[in-house]
Structure formats: structure tokens, C-alpha cells
Amino acid sequence: MADSTKQQVHVFYTGRVQGVGFRYLACQTAQQWQMQGWVRNLTDGRVELVAIGEATALREFLDALRHGPLERCILDAQVEWGSPMRMYEDFHIRPTGTL
């Protein structure tokens, strides 16, 4: 059963977010904030991210991504908050996928 004190964000980033190291930056940043989840490129040019952690840490993590070294590459971030659907052991990069 998922830890009820944890939250999940499901984010779709648009802009020039592929081919610039965004997934690697997201992975490094997630590890710094002790997030669980994953990030992947989508075939339509977006990047999809699922992160699980404490609500305050999640907000700080998303802010660090949005205003970090690749800030100029992000045009938009669609963020959905919710309860974790499942737990992950770490934060990792997944292969490119489709929705």
C-alpha cells in the first residue's frame, strides 16, 4: 500500500526539452530531492515525468527543474497532482514512449 503522506505529480513538459539533456537533469535533480519515479521522452516531442515525494519537496523539485539551467527550453509544464498510483525504488529514465 502506498504511503499516504506522499504525493505524486504527473508532468508533461513542452518546448525544446528533447536533445538538450533534460531527462538527465531531471534524474539528477530528483535524486538530490530524494524523489521516486521516472522521466521519459515522448514521440510527440514532449517529456513526461512522474515523481513521488513529500508535497513540499515535490514543489521545490518542480521549481528547481522549471528555473534551472534548462529553463529557457521549457515552454510549458502541465502538472497533475494526486496520490501515488504505485511506489518506485528510485528515480530513473525510461525508454521513449507514446501515450
PDB file of N, CA and C in Angstrom:
ATOM      1  N   MET A   1       0.840  -1.186   0.000  1.00  0.00           N
ATOM      2  CA  MET A   1       0.000   0.000   0.000  1.00  0.00           C
ATOM      3  C   MET A   1       0.877   1.238   0.000  1.00  0.00           C
ATOM      4  N   ALA A   2       0.492   2.276  -0.750  1.00  0.00           N
ATOM      5  CA  ALA A   2       1.276   3.497  -0.868  1.00  0.00           C
ATOM      6  C   ALA A   2       1.231   4.292   0.438  1.00  0.00           C
ATOM      7  N   ASP A   3       2.308   5.002   0.734  1.00  0.00           N
ATOM      8  CA  ASP A   3       2.417   5.865   1.899  1.00  0.00           C
ATOM      9  C   ASP A   3       1.508   7.076   1.699  1.00  0.00           C
ATOM     10  N   SER A   4       0.527   7.285   2.584  1.00  0.00           N
ATOM     11  CA  SER A   4      -0.460   8.347   2.399  1.00  0.00           C
ATOM     12  C   SER A   4       0.125   9.744   2.580  1.00  0.00           C
ATOM     13  N   THR A   5       1.320   9.867   3.153  1.00  0.00           N
ATOM     14  CA  THR A   5       1.927  11.192   3.308  1.00  0.00           C
ATOM     15  C   THR A   5       2.639  11.628   2.036  1.00  0.00           C
ATOM     16  N   LYS A   6       2.789  10.739   1.107  1.00  0.00           N
ATOM     17  CA  LYS A   6       3.449  11.054  -0.158  1.00  0.00           C
ATOM     18  C   LYS A   6       2.424  11.517  -1.181  1.00  0.00           C
ATOM     19  N   GLN A   7       2.893  12.371  -2.083  1.00  0.00           N
ATOM     20  CA  GLN A   7       2.082  12.850  -3.193  1.00  0.00           C
ATOM     21  C   GLN A   7       2.760  12.434  -4.495  1.00  0.00           C
ATOM     22  N   GLN A   8       2.001  12.493  -5.567  1.00  0.00           N
ATOM     23  CA  GLN A   8       2.548  12.205  -6.897  1.00  0.00           C
ATOM     24  C   GLN A   8       2.244  13.369  -7.816  1.00  0.00           C
ATOM     25  N   VAL A   9       3.220  13.709  -8.665  1.00  0.00           N
ATOM     26  CA  VAL A   9       2.970  14.650  -9.749  1.00  0.00           C
ATOM     27  C   VAL A   9       3.211  13.921 -11.062  1.00  0.00           C
ATOM     28  N   HIS A  10       2.351  14.217 -12.021  1.00  0.00           N
ATOM     29  CA  HIS A  10       2.486  13.692 -13.379  1.00  0.00           C
ATOM     30  C   HIS A  10       2.586  14.933 -14.253  1.00  0.00           C
ATOM     31  N   VAL A  11       3.738  15.102 -14.907  1.00  0.00           N
ATOM     32  CA  VAL A  11       4.022  16.347 -15.622  1.00  0.00           C
ATOM     33  C   VAL A  11       4.336  16.058 -17.084  1.00  0.00           C
ATOM     34  N   PHE A  12       3.817  16.920 -17.953  1.00  0.00           N
ATOM     35  CA  PHE A  12       4.173  16.903 -19.370  1.00  0.00           C
ATOM     36  C   PHE A  12       4.847  18.237 -19.684  1.00  0.00           C
ATOM     37  N   TYR A  13       6.110  18.170 -20.073  1.00  0.00           N
ATOM     38  CA  TYR A  13       6.877  19.362 -20.436  1.00  0.00           C
ATOM     39  C   TYR A  13       6.871  19.525 -21.950  1.00  0.00           C
ATOM     40  N   THR A  14       6.648  20.752 -22.402  1.00  0.00           N
ATOM     41  CA  THR A  14       6.724  21.065 -23.821  1.00  0.00           C
ATOM     42  C   THR A  14       7.773  22.144 -24.033  1.00  0.00           C
ATOM     43  N   GLY A  15       8.254  22.215 -25.250  1.00  0.00           N
ATOM     44  CA  GLY A  15       9.308  23.165 -25.610  1.00  0.00           C
ATOM     45  C   GLY A  15      10.430  22.414 -26.299  1.00  0.00           C
ATOM     46  N   ARG A  16      11.630  22.929 -26.158  1.00  0.00           N
ATOM     47  CA  ARG A  16      12.806  22.243 -26.699  1.00  0.00           C
ATOM     48  C   ARG A  16      13.412  21.407 -25.571  1.00  0.00           C
ATOM     49  N   VAL A  17      12.665  20.379 -25.169  1.00  0.00           N
ATOM     50  CA  VAL A  17      13.036  19.590 -23.992  1.00  0.00           C
ATOM     51  C   VAL A  17      13.663  18.238 -24.338  1.00  0.00           C
ATOM     52  N   GLN A  18      13.761  17.939 -25.620  1.00  0.00           N
ATOM     53  CA  GLN A  18      14.444  16.712 -26.034  1.00  0.00           C
ATOM     54  C   GLN A  18      15.752  17.087 -26.723  1.00  0.00           C
ATOM     55  N   GLY A  19      16.773  16.277 -26.480  1.00  0.00           N
ATOM     56  CA  GLY A  19      18.069  16.503 -27.114  1.00  0.00           C
ATOM     57  C   GLY A  19      18.909  17.574 -26.435  1.00  0.00           C
ATOM     58  N   VAL A  20      18.502  17.991 -25.227  1.00  0.00           N
ATOM     59  CA  VAL A  20      19.241  19.032 -24.513  1.00  0.00           C
ATOM     60  C   VAL A  20      19.696  18.565 -23.127  1.00  0.00           C
ATOM     61  N   GLY A  21      19.476  17.307 -22.805  1.00  0.00           N
ATOM     62  CA  GLY A  21      19.877  16.773 -21.503  1.00  0.00           C
ATOM     63  C   GLY A  21      18.830  16.936 -20.414  1.00  0.00           C
ATOM     64  N   PHE A  22      17.591  17.230 -20.796  1.00  0.00           N
ATOM     65  CA  PHE A  22      16.546  17.473 -19.803  1.00  0.00           C
ATOM     66  C   PHE A  22      16.276  16.250 -18.933  1.00  0.00           C
ATOM     67  N   ARG A  23      16.215  15.071 -19.534  1.00  0.00           N
ATOM     68  CA  ARG A  23      15.944  13.861 -18.734  1.00  0.00           C
ATOM     69  C   ARG A  23      17.054  13.604 -17.727  1.00  0.00           C
ATOM     70  N   TYR A  24      18.289  13.842 -18.132  1.00  0.00           N
ATOM     71  CA  TYR A  24      19.421  13.626 -17.226  1.00  0.00           C
ATOM     72  C   TYR A  24      19.412  14.644 -16.088  1.00  0.00           C
ATOM     73  N   LEU A  25      19.088  15.895 -16.414  1.00  0.00           N
ATOM     74  CA  LEU A  25      18.963  16.922 -15.383  1.00  0.00           C
ATOM     75  C   LEU A  25      17.828  16.566 -14.421  1.00  0.00           C
ATOM     76  N   ALA A  26      16.702  16.117 -14.959  1.00  0.00           N
ATOM     77  CA  ALA A  26      15.565  15.727 -14.117  1.00  0.00           C
ATOM     78  C   ALA A  26      15.952  14.583 -13.189  1.00  0.00           C
ATOM     79  N   CYS A  27      16.690  13.629 -13.701  1.00  0.00           N
ATOM     80  CA  CYS A  27      17.106  12.478 -12.905  1.00  0.00           C
ATOM     81  C   CYS A  27      18.063  12.906 -11.786  1.00  0.00           C
ATOM     82  N   GLN A  28      19.043  13.727 -12.110  1.00  0.00           N
ATOM     83  CA  GLN A  28      19.990  14.217 -11.096  1.00  0.00           C
ATOM     84  C   GLN A  28      19.273  15.044 -10.036  1.00  0.00           C
ATOM     85  N   THR A  29      18.376  15.917 -10.476  1.00  0.00           N
ATOM     86  CA  THR A  29      17.640  16.769  -9.548  1.00  0.00           C
ATOM     87  C   THR A  29      16.725  15.935  -8.662  1.00  0.00           C
ATOM     88  N   ALA A  30      16.069  14.948  -9.233  1.00  0.00           N
ATOM     89  CA  ALA A  30      15.195  14.062  -8.457  1.00  0.00           C
ATOM     90  C   ALA A  30      15.978  13.324  -7.385  1.00  0.00           C
ATOM     91  N   GLN A  31      17.175  12.892  -7.714  1.00  0.00           N
ATOM     92  CA  GLN A  31      17.998  12.193  -6.726  1.00  0.00           C
ATOM     93  C   GLN A  31      18.398  13.132  -5.593  1.00  0.00           C
ATOM     94  N   GLN A  32      18.680  14.392  -5.918  1.00  0.00           N
ATOM     95  CA  GLN A  32      19.015  15.377  -4.878  1.00  0.00           C
ATOM     96  C   GLN A  32      17.847  15.606  -3.932  1.00  0.00           C
ATOM     97  N   TRP A  33      16.626  15.588  -4.465  1.00  0.00           N
ATOM     98  CA  TRP A  33      15.424  15.825  -3.661  1.00  0.00           C
ATOM     99  C   TRP A  33      14.817  14.522  -3.150  1.00  0.00           C
ATOM    100  N   GLN A  34      15.482  13.398  -3.385  1.00  0.00           N
ATOM    101  CA  GLN A  34      15.052  12.080  -2.911  1.00  0.00           C
ATOM    102  C   GLN A  34      13.652  11.706  -3.418  1.00  0.00           C
ATOM    103  N   MET A  35      13.443  11.951  -4.707  1.00  0.00           N
ATOM    104  CA  MET A  35      12.188  11.599  -5.352  1.00  0.00           C
ATOM    105  C   MET A  35      12.241  10.153  -5.832  1.00  0.00           C
ATOM    106  N   GLN A  36      11.080   9.584  -6.018  1.00  0.00           N
ATOM    107  CA  GLN A  36      10.930   8.298  -6.667  1.00  0.00           C
ATOM    108  C   GLN A  36      10.147   8.556  -7.946  1.00  0.00           C
ATOM    109  N   GLY A  37      10.346   7.733  -8.962  1.00  0.00           N
ATOM    110  CA  GLY A  37       9.573   7.878 -10.180  1.00  0.00           C
ATOM    111  C   GLY A  37      10.401   7.711 -11.426  1.00  0.00           C
ATOM    112  N   TRP A  38      10.024   8.445 -12.485  1.00  0.00           N
ATOM    113  CA  TRP A  38      10.695   8.265 -13.770  1.00  0.00           C
ATOM    114  C   TRP A  38      10.449   9.471 -14.676  1.00  0.00           C
ATOM    115  N   VAL A  39      11.251   9.517 -15.736  1.00  0.00           N
ATOM    116  CA  VAL A  39      11.126  10.538 -16.773  1.00  0.00           C
ATOM    117  C   VAL A  39      11.393   9.866 -18.113  1.00  0.00           C
ATOM    118  N   ARG A  40      10.716  10.326 -19.169  1.00  0.00           N
ATOM    119  CA  ARG A  40      10.962   9.758 -20.498  1.00  0.00           C
ATOM    120  C   ARG A  40      10.572  10.774 -21.579  1.00  0.00           C
ATOM    121  N   ASN A  41      11.212  10.611 -22.733  1.00  0.00           N
ATOM    122  CA  ASN A  41      10.807  11.352 -23.918  1.00  0.00           C
ATOM    123  C   ASN A  41       9.553  10.706 -24.483  1.00  0.00           C
ATOM    124  N   LEU A  42       8.703  11.531 -25.098  1.00  0.00           N
ATOM    125  CA  LEU A  42       7.546  11.018 -25.828  1.00  0.00           C
ATOM    126  C   LEU A  42       7.786  11.242 -27.316  1.00  0.00           C
ATOM    127  N   THR A  43       7.192  10.408 -28.126  1.00  0.00           N
ATOM    128  CA  THR A  43       7.410  10.501 -29.570  1.00  0.00           C
ATOM    129  C   THR A  43       6.860  11.789 -30.160  1.00  0.00           C
ATOM    130  N   ASP A  44       5.986  12.490 -29.452  1.00  0.00           N
ATOM    131  CA  ASP A  44       5.434  13.758 -29.951  1.00  0.00           C
ATOM    132  C   ASP A  44       6.290  14.973 -29.588  1.00  0.00           C
ATOM    133  N   GLY A  45       7.471  14.752 -28.967  1.00  0.00           N
ATOM    134  CA  GLY A  45       8.385  15.848 -28.649  1.00  0.00           C
ATOM    135  C   GLY A  45       8.313  16.342 -27.219  1.00  0.00           C
ATOM    136  N   ARG A  46       7.332  15.874 -26.458  1.00  0.00           N
ATOM    137  CA  ARG A  46       7.240  16.270 -25.055  1.00  0.00           C
ATOM    138  C   ARG A  46       8.095  15.353 -24.182  1.00  0.00           C
ATOM    139  N   VAL A  47       8.259  15.755 -22.920  1.00  0.00           N
ATOM    140  CA  VAL A  47       8.883  14.911 -21.913  1.00  0.00           C
ATOM    141  C   VAL A  47       7.837  14.669 -20.830  1.00  0.00           C
ATOM    142  N   GLU A  48       7.681  13.406 -20.438  1.00  0.00           N
ATOM    143  CA  GLU A  48       6.744  13.008 -19.402  1.00  0.00           C
ATOM    144  C   GLU A  48       7.520  12.637 -18.149  1.00  0.00           C
ATOM    145  N   LEU A  49       7.025  13.093 -16.993  1.00  0.00           N
ATOM    146  CA  LEU A  49       7.697  12.846 -15.726  1.00  0.00           C
ATOM    147  C   LEU A  49       6.666  12.467 -14.679  1.00  0.00           C
ATOM    148  N   VAL A  50       6.975  11.448 -13.888  1.00  0.00           N
ATOM    149  CA  VAL A  50       6.176  11.076 -12.725  1.00  0.00           C
ATOM    150  C   VAL A  50       7.130  11.077 -11.537  1.00  0.00           C
ATOM    151  N   ALA A  51       6.772  11.867 -10.512  1.00  0.00           N
ATOM    152  CA  ALA A  51       7.610  11.935  -9.313  1.00  0.00           C
ATOM    153  C   ALA A  51       6.743  11.776  -8.076  1.00  0.00           C
ATOM    154  N   ILE A  52       7.298  11.087  -7.089  1.00  0.00           N
ATOM    155  CA  ILE A  52       6.611  10.826  -5.826  1.00  0.00           C
ATOM    156  C   ILE A  52       7.513  11.290  -4.696  1.00  0.00           C
ATOM    157  N   GLY A  53       6.915  12.022  -3.763  1.00  0.00           N
ATOM    158  CA  GLY A  53       7.651  12.506  -2.601  1.00  0.00           C
ATOM    159  C   GLY A  53       6.733  13.310  -1.699  1.00  0.00           C
ATOM    160  N   GLU A  54       7.312  13.909  -0.677  1.00  0.00           N
ATOM    161  CA  GLU A  54       6.555  14.801   0.200  1.00  0.00           C
ATOM    162  C   GLU A  54       6.135  16.027  -0.605  1.00  0.00           C
ATOM    163  N   ALA A  55       4.971  16.587  -0.333  1.00  0.00           N
ATOM    164  CA  ALA A  55       4.418  17.688  -1.126  1.00  0.00           C
ATOM    165  C   ALA A  55       5.370  18.885  -1.212  1.00  0.00           C
ATOM    166  N   THR A  56       5.953  19.291  -0.102  1.00  0.00           N
ATOM    167  CA  THR A  56       6.858  20.442  -0.116  1.00  0.00           C
ATOM    168  C   THR A  56       8.087  20.148  -0.968  1.00  0.00           C
ATOM    169  N   ALA A  57       8.650  18.966  -0.814  1.00  0.00           N
ATOM    170  CA  ALA A  57       9.823  18.579  -1.600  1.00  0.00           C
ATOM    171  C   ALA A  57       9.468  18.500  -3.087  1.00  0.00           C
ATOM    172  N   LEU A  58       8.283  18.008  -3.413  1.00  0.00           N
ATOM    173  CA  LEU A  58       7.859  17.945  -4.815  1.00  0.00           C
ATOM    174  C   LEU A  58       7.774  19.344  -5.420  1.00  0.00           C
ATOM    175  N   ARG A  59       7.190  20.293  -4.684  1.00  0.00           N
ATOM    176  CA  ARG A  59       7.098  21.667  -5.191  1.00  0.00           C
ATOM    177  C   ARG A  59       8.485  22.246  -5.432  1.00  0.00           C
ATOM    178  N   GLU A  60       9.399  22.011  -4.499  1.00  0.00           N
ATOM    179  CA  GLU A  60      10.771  22.517  -4.636  1.00  0.00           C
ATOM    180  C   GLU A  60      11.495  21.834  -5.798  1.00  0.00           C
ATOM    181  N   PHE A  61      11.274  20.551  -5.968  1.00  0.00           N
ATOM    182  CA  PHE A  61      11.860  19.799  -7.079  1.00  0.00           C
ATOM    183  C   PHE A  61      11.375  20.356  -8.418  1.00  0.00           C
ATOM    184  N   LEU A  62      10.050  20.546  -8.552  1.00  0.00           N
ATOM    185  CA  LEU A  62       9.496  21.085  -9.797  1.00  0.00           C
ATOM    186  C   LEU A  62      10.007  22.498 -10.061  1.00  0.00           C
ATOM    187  N   ASP A  63      10.126  23.291  -9.013  1.00  0.00           N
ATOM    188  CA  ASP A  63      10.648  24.647  -9.155  1.00  0.00           C
ATOM    189  C   ASP A  63      12.106  24.620  -9.607  1.00  0.00           C
ATOM    190  N   ALA A  64      12.887  23.688  -9.058  1.00  0.00           N
ATOM    191  CA  ALA A  64      14.298  23.567  -9.446  1.00  0.00           C
ATOM    192  C   ALA A  64      14.429  23.194 -10.921  1.00  0.00           C
ATOM    193  N   LEU A  65      13.541  22.339 -11.414  1.00  0.00           N
ATOM    194  CA  LEU A  65      13.566  21.980 -12.836  1.00  0.00           C
ATOM    195  C   LEU A  65      13.142  23.156 -13.701  1.00  0.00           C
ATOM    196  N   ARG A  66      12.056  23.800 -13.298  1.00  0.00           N
ATOM    197  CA  ARG A  66      11.476  24.889 -14.100  1.00  0.00           C
ATOM    198  C   ARG A  66      12.414  26.086 -14.206  1.00  0.00           C
ATOM    199  N   HIS A  67      13.175  26.346 -13.142  1.00  0.00           N
ATOM    200  CA  HIS A  67      14.035  27.533 -13.102  1.00  0.00           C
ATOM    201  C   HIS A  67      15.517  27.170 -13.051  1.00  0.00           C
ATOM    202  N   GLY A  68      15.845  25.981 -13.519  1.00  0.00           N
ATOM    203  CA  GLY A  68      17.223  25.512 -13.525  1.00  0.00           C
ATOM    204  C   GLY A  68      17.944  25.880 -14.814  1.00  0.00           C
ATOM    205  N   PRO A  69      19.042  25.192 -15.100  1.00  0.00           N
ATOM    206  CA  PRO A  69      19.877  25.508 -16.255  1.00  0.00           C
ATOM    207  C   PRO A  69      19.168  25.401 -17.604  1.00  0.00           C
ATOM    208  N   LEU A  70      18.097  24.616 -17.684  1.00  0.00           N
ATOM    209  CA  LEU A  70      17.379  24.444 -18.955  1.00  0.00           C
ATOM    210  C   LEU A  70      16.049  25.198 -18.965  1.00  0.00           C
ATOM    211  N   GLU A  71      15.923  26.198 -18.114  1.00  0.00           N
ATOM    212  CA  GLU A  71      14.697  26.990 -18.013  1.00  0.00           C
ATOM    213  C   GLU A  71      14.235  27.509 -19.370  1.00  0.00           C
ATOM    214  N   ARG A  72      15.174  27.985 -20.169  1.00  0.00           N
ATOM    215  CA  ARG A  72      14.830  28.573 -21.471  1.00  0.00           C
ATOM    216  C   ARG A  72      14.256  27.543 -22.451  1.00  0.00           C
ATOM    217  N   CYS A  73      14.454  26.261 -22.181  1.00  0.00           N
ATOM    218  CA  CYS A  73      13.968  25.206 -23.064  1.00  0.00           C
ATOM    219  C   CYS A  73      12.522  24.809 -22.787  1.00  0.00           C
ATOM    220  N   ILE A  74      12.002  25.155 -21.616  1.00  0.00           N
ATOM    221  CA  ILE A  74      10.650  24.753 -21.218  1.00  0.00           C
ATOM    222  C   ILE A  74       9.660  25.846 -21.592  1.00  0.00           C
ATOM    223  N   LEU A  75       8.725  25.521 -22.474  1.00  0.00           N
ATOM    224  CA  LEU A  75       7.661  26.464 -22.815  1.00  0.00           C
ATOM    225  C   LEU A  75       6.481  26.324 -21.873  1.00  0.00           C
ATOM    226  N   ASP A  76       6.170  25.084 -21.471  1.00  0.00           N
ATOM    227  CA  ASP A  76       5.022  24.847 -20.612  1.00  0.00           C
ATOM    228  C   ASP A  76       5.225  23.555 -19.836  1.00  0.00           C
ATOM    229  N   ALA A  77       4.586  23.491 -18.681  1.00  0.00           N
ATOM    230  CA  ALA A  77       4.578  22.277 -17.867  1.00  0.00           C
ATOM    231  C   ALA A  77       3.155  22.060 -17.377  1.00  0.00           C
ATOM    232  N   GLN A  78       2.526  20.991 -17.833  1.00  0.00           N
ATOM    233  CA  GLN A  78       1.183  20.615 -17.373  1.00  0.00           C
ATOM    234  C   GLN A  78       1.359  19.652 -16.207  1.00  0.00           C
ATOM    235  N   VAL A  79       0.957  20.090 -15.021  1.00  0.00           N
ATOM    236  CA  VAL A  79       1.182  19.325 -13.791  1.00  0.00           C
ATOM    237  C   VAL A  79      -0.134  18.842 -13.219  1.00  0.00           C
ATOM    238  N   GLU A  80      -0.212  17.550 -12.953  1.00  0.00           N
ATOM    239  CA  GLU A  80      -1.367  16.956 -12.275  1.00  0.00           C
ATOM    240  C   GLU A  80      -0.895  16.377 -10.950  1.00  0.00           C
ATOM    241  N   TRP A  81      -1.530  16.795  -9.862  1.00  0.00           N
ATOM    242  CA  TRP A  81      -1.222  16.290  -8.529  1.00  0.00           C
ATOM    243  C   TRP A  81      -2.195  15.178  -8.167  1.00  0.00           C
ATOM    244  N   GLY A  82      -1.707  14.219  -7.388  1.00  0.00           N
ATOM    245  CA  GLY A  82      -2.582  13.157  -6.923  1.00  0.00           C
ATOM    246  C   GLY A  82      -1.881  12.274  -5.916  1.00  0.00           C
ATOM    247  N   SER A  83      -2.553  11.211  -5.565  1.00  0.00           N
ATOM    248  CA  SER A  83      -1.969  10.200  -4.679  1.00  0.00           C
ATOM    249  C   SER A  83      -1.145   9.245  -5.527  1.00  0.00           C
ATOM    250  N   PRO A  84      -0.068   8.710  -4.960  1.00  0.00           N
ATOM    251  CA  PRO A  84       0.747   7.760  -5.725  1.00  0.00           C
ATOM    252  C   PRO A  84      -0.061   6.554  -6.179  1.00  0.00           C
ATOM    253  N   MET A  85       0.092   6.226  -7.463  1.00  0.00           N
ATOM    254  CA  MET A  85      -0.576   5.045  -8.007  1.00  0.00           C
ATOM    255  C   MET A  85       0.210   3.784  -7.660  1.00  0.00           C
ATOM    256  N   ARG A  86       1.521   3.953  -7.539  1.00  0.00           N
ATOM    257  CA  ARG A  86       2.413   2.867  -7.116  1.00  0.00           C
ATOM    258  C   ARG A  86       3.701   3.501  -6.642  1.00  0.00           C
ATOM    259  N   MET A  87       4.539   2.758  -5.972  1.00  0.00           N
ATOM    260  CA  MET A  87       5.810   3.281  -5.483  1.00  0.00           C
ATOM    261  C   MET A  87       6.943   2.728  -6.347  1.00  0.00           C
ATOM    262  N   TYR A  88       8.006   3.491  -6.435  1.00  0.00           N
ATOM    263  CA  TYR A  88       9.197   3.101  -7.189  1.00  0.00           C
ATOM    264  C   TYR A  88      10.378   3.068  -6.230  1.00  0.00           C
ATOM    265  N   GLU A  89      11.376   2.274  -6.556  1.00  0.00           N
ATOM    266  CA  GLU A  89      12.544   2.170  -5.692  1.00  0.00           C
ATOM    267  C   GLU A  89      13.479   3.366  -5.833  1.00  0.00           C
ATOM    268  N   ASP A  90      13.433   4.014  -6.991  1.00  0.00           N
ATOM    269  CA  ASP A  90      14.352   5.109  -7.262  1.00  0.00           C
ATOM    270  C   ASP A  90      13.725   6.045  -8.288  1.00  0.00           C
ATOM    271  N   PHE A  91      14.515   6.940  -8.846  1.00  0.00           N
ATOM    272  CA  PHE A  91      14.078   7.777  -9.951  1.00  0.00           C
ATOM    273  C   PHE A  91      14.962   7.414 -11.130  1.00  0.00           C
ATOM    274  N   HIS A  92      14.354   7.115 -12.269  1.00  0.00           N
ATOM    275  CA  HIS A  92      15.134   6.615 -13.401  1.00  0.00           C
ATOM    276  C   HIS A  92      14.583   7.149 -14.721  1.00  0.00           C
ATOM    277  N   ILE A  93      15.380   6.971 -15.758  1.00  0.00           N
ATOM    278  CA  ILE A  93      14.995   7.356 -17.112  1.00  0.00           C
ATOM    279  C   ILE A  93      14.407   6.121 -17.788  1.00  0.00           C
ATOM    280  N   ARG A  94      13.224   6.290 -18.353  1.00  0.00           N
ATOM    281  CA  ARG A  94      12.560   5.216 -19.093  1.00  0.00           C
ATOM    282  C   ARG A  94      12.813   5.409 -20.588  1.00  0.00           C
ATOM    283  N   PRO A  95      12.658   4.339 -21.348  1.00  0.00           N
ATOM    284  CA  PRO A  95      12.781   4.472 -22.828  1.00  0.00           C
ATOM    285  C   PRO A  95      11.665   5.367 -23.384  1.00  0.00           C
ATOM    286  N   THR A  96      11.928   5.936 -24.534  1.00  0.00           N
ATOM    287  CA  THR A  96      10.944   6.762 -25.231  1.00  0.00           C
ATOM    288  C   THR A  96       9.657   5.979 -25.397  1.00  0.00           C
ATOM    289  N   GLY A  97       8.536   6.686 -25.238  1.00  0.00           N
ATOM    290  CA  GLY A  97       7.244   6.010 -25.345  1.00  0.00           C
ATOM    291  C   GLY A  97       6.191   6.878 -25.991  1.00  0.00           C
ATOM    292  N   THR A  98       5.006   6.314 -26.111  1.00  0.00           N
ATOM    293  CA  THR A  98       3.837   7.012 -26.633  1.00  0.00           C
ATOM    294  C   THR A  98       2.749   6.979 -25.578  1.00  0.00           C
ATOM    295  N   LEU A  99       1.794   7.860 -25.704  1.00  0.00           N
ATOM    296  CA  LEU A  99       0.658   7.834 -24.769  1.00  0.00           C
ATOM    297  C   LEU A  99      -0.460   6.995 -25.307  1.00  0.00           C
TER     298      LEU A  99
END
